[in-house]
Protein backbone atom coordinates (compact mmCIF):
# COMPACT_ATOMS: atom_id res chain seq x y z
CA MET A 1 0.00 0.00 0.00
CA ALA A 2 1.24 3.49 -0.79
CA ARG A 3 2.32 5.73 2.09
CA PRO A 4 1.62 9.48 2.35
CA ILE A 5 4.63 11.70 1.68
CA GLU A 6 4.56 12.98 5.26
CA GLU A 7 5.69 9.51 6.43
CA ILE A 8 8.61 9.29 3.99
CA LYS A 9 12.16 9.95 5.17
CA TRP A 10 15.00 10.78 2.78
CA GLN A 11 16.65 7.48 3.71
CA ASP A 12 13.68 5.66 2.11
CA LEU A 13 14.35 7.13 -1.33
CA GLU A 14 16.24 5.25 -4.01
CA MET A 15 19.31 6.81 -5.61
CA GLY A 16 19.13 7.71 -9.31
CA ALA A 17 20.49 9.97 -12.02
CA ALA A 18 19.95 10.65 -15.70
CA VAL A 19 22.29 12.10 -18.30
CA SER A 20 21.12 12.92 -21.80
CA GLU A 21 22.03 14.85 -24.92
CA ARG A 22 20.43 18.25 -25.49
CA GLY A 23 17.02 17.99 -27.16
CA SER A 24 16.56 14.30 -26.40
CA ALA A 25 14.02 14.51 -23.57
CA ARG A 26 11.32 12.57 -25.46
CA GLU A 27 13.68 9.64 -25.89
CA TYR A 28 14.20 9.23 -22.14
CA LYS A 29 11.27 7.93 -20.12
CA THR A 30 12.53 9.40 -16.85
CA GLY A 31 9.61 8.06 -14.84
CA SER A 32 11.34 4.70 -14.52
CA TRP A 33 13.60 5.97 -11.72
CA ARG A 34 10.86 7.76 -9.81
CA SER A 35 10.34 6.66 -6.21
CA LEU A 36 7.37 8.94 -5.44
CA GLN A 37 4.16 9.27 -7.43
CA PRO A 38 1.49 12.00 -7.50
CA VAL A 39 -2.12 10.85 -7.18
CA VAL A 40 -4.93 13.25 -8.13
CA ASP A 41 -8.27 13.00 -6.31
CA GLN A 42 -10.48 13.78 -9.30
CA ASP A 43 -13.52 14.40 -7.06
CA GLN A 44 -11.74 17.31 -5.33
CA CYS A 45 -9.88 18.67 -8.38
CA ILE A 46 -11.24 22.02 -9.60
CA ARG A 47 -9.41 21.67 -12.95
CA CYS A 48 -7.52 24.94 -12.51
CA GLY A 49 -4.31 23.71 -14.17
CA VAL A 50 -1.93 25.01 -11.51
CA CYS A 51 -0.31 21.54 -11.31
CA TRP A 52 0.29 21.62 -15.08
CA LEU A 53 1.68 25.15 -14.90
CA PHE A 54 4.26 24.38 -12.19
CA CYS A 55 5.38 20.90 -13.34
CA PRO A 56 9.08 21.29 -14.26
CA ASP A 57 8.99 18.25 -16.56
CA ALA A 58 5.73 18.89 -18.45
CA ALA A 59 4.56 15.57 -17.02
CA ILE A 60 1.03 16.70 -16.19
CA LYS A 61 -1.49 15.87 -18.90
CA ARG A 62 -4.99 17.24 -19.38
CA SER A 63 -7.68 14.79 -20.45
CA GLU A 64 -10.55 15.61 -22.79
CA ASP A 65 -12.90 15.96 -19.79
CA GLY A 66 -10.63 18.69 -18.36
CA SER A 67 -9.12 16.59 -15.58
CA PHE A 68 -5.38 16.43 -14.93
CA GLU A 69 -3.12 13.48 -14.20
CA ALA A 70 0.59 12.72 -14.17
CA ASP A 71 2.19 11.13 -17.22
CA LEU A 72 4.12 8.46 -15.33
CA GLU A 73 6.52 7.88 -18.23
CA TYR A 74 8.03 11.32 -17.54
CA CYS A 75 7.02 12.25 -13.97
CA LYS A 76 10.01 12.24 -11.64
CA GLY A 77 7.93 12.42 -8.46
CA CYS A 78 9.22 15.80 -7.29
CA GLY A 79 5.91 16.71 -5.60
CA ILE A 80 5.79 20.29 -6.89
CA CYS A 81 2.31 19.67 -8.32
CA ALA A 82 1.04 18.60 -4.89
CA ARG A 83 2.70 21.53 -3.13
CA GLU A 84 1.23 24.09 -5.56
CA CYS A 85 -2.30 22.65 -5.80
CA PRO A 86 -4.62 25.30 -4.31
CA VAL A 87 -7.18 22.75 -3.08
CA GLY A 88 -4.79 20.02 -1.97
CA CYS A 89 -6.26 17.31 -4.18
CA ILE A 90 -2.86 15.88 -5.14
CA SER A 91 -1.06 13.57 -2.75
CA VAL A 92 2.41 12.14 -3.29
CA VAL A 93 2.89 8.51 -2.30
CA ILE A 94 5.74 6.01 -2.45
CA GLU A 95 5.83 4.30 -5.85
CA GLU A 96 4.67 0.69 -5.72
CA VAL A 97 7.12 -1.61 -7.49
């Protein structure tokens, strides 16, 4: 079962790094080394797009119905989307392997 980010200590995180050539971001599915994952509560989401705006990896996708979710192929689990969400509908949990 996934744990809330508040229960996670830095010692629990896995080490990882990525090196790539300029302009090759689409070739590297950086989500594979993520240890944390954002989860959007779609019932609480007001579809404001703040998560999308602040995501440093452009890993937040908007669906046709206007809802937002993380593209887990590129999401690195930084938690910025959860921190910036004005209604707190995004939680960050430990990635299940």
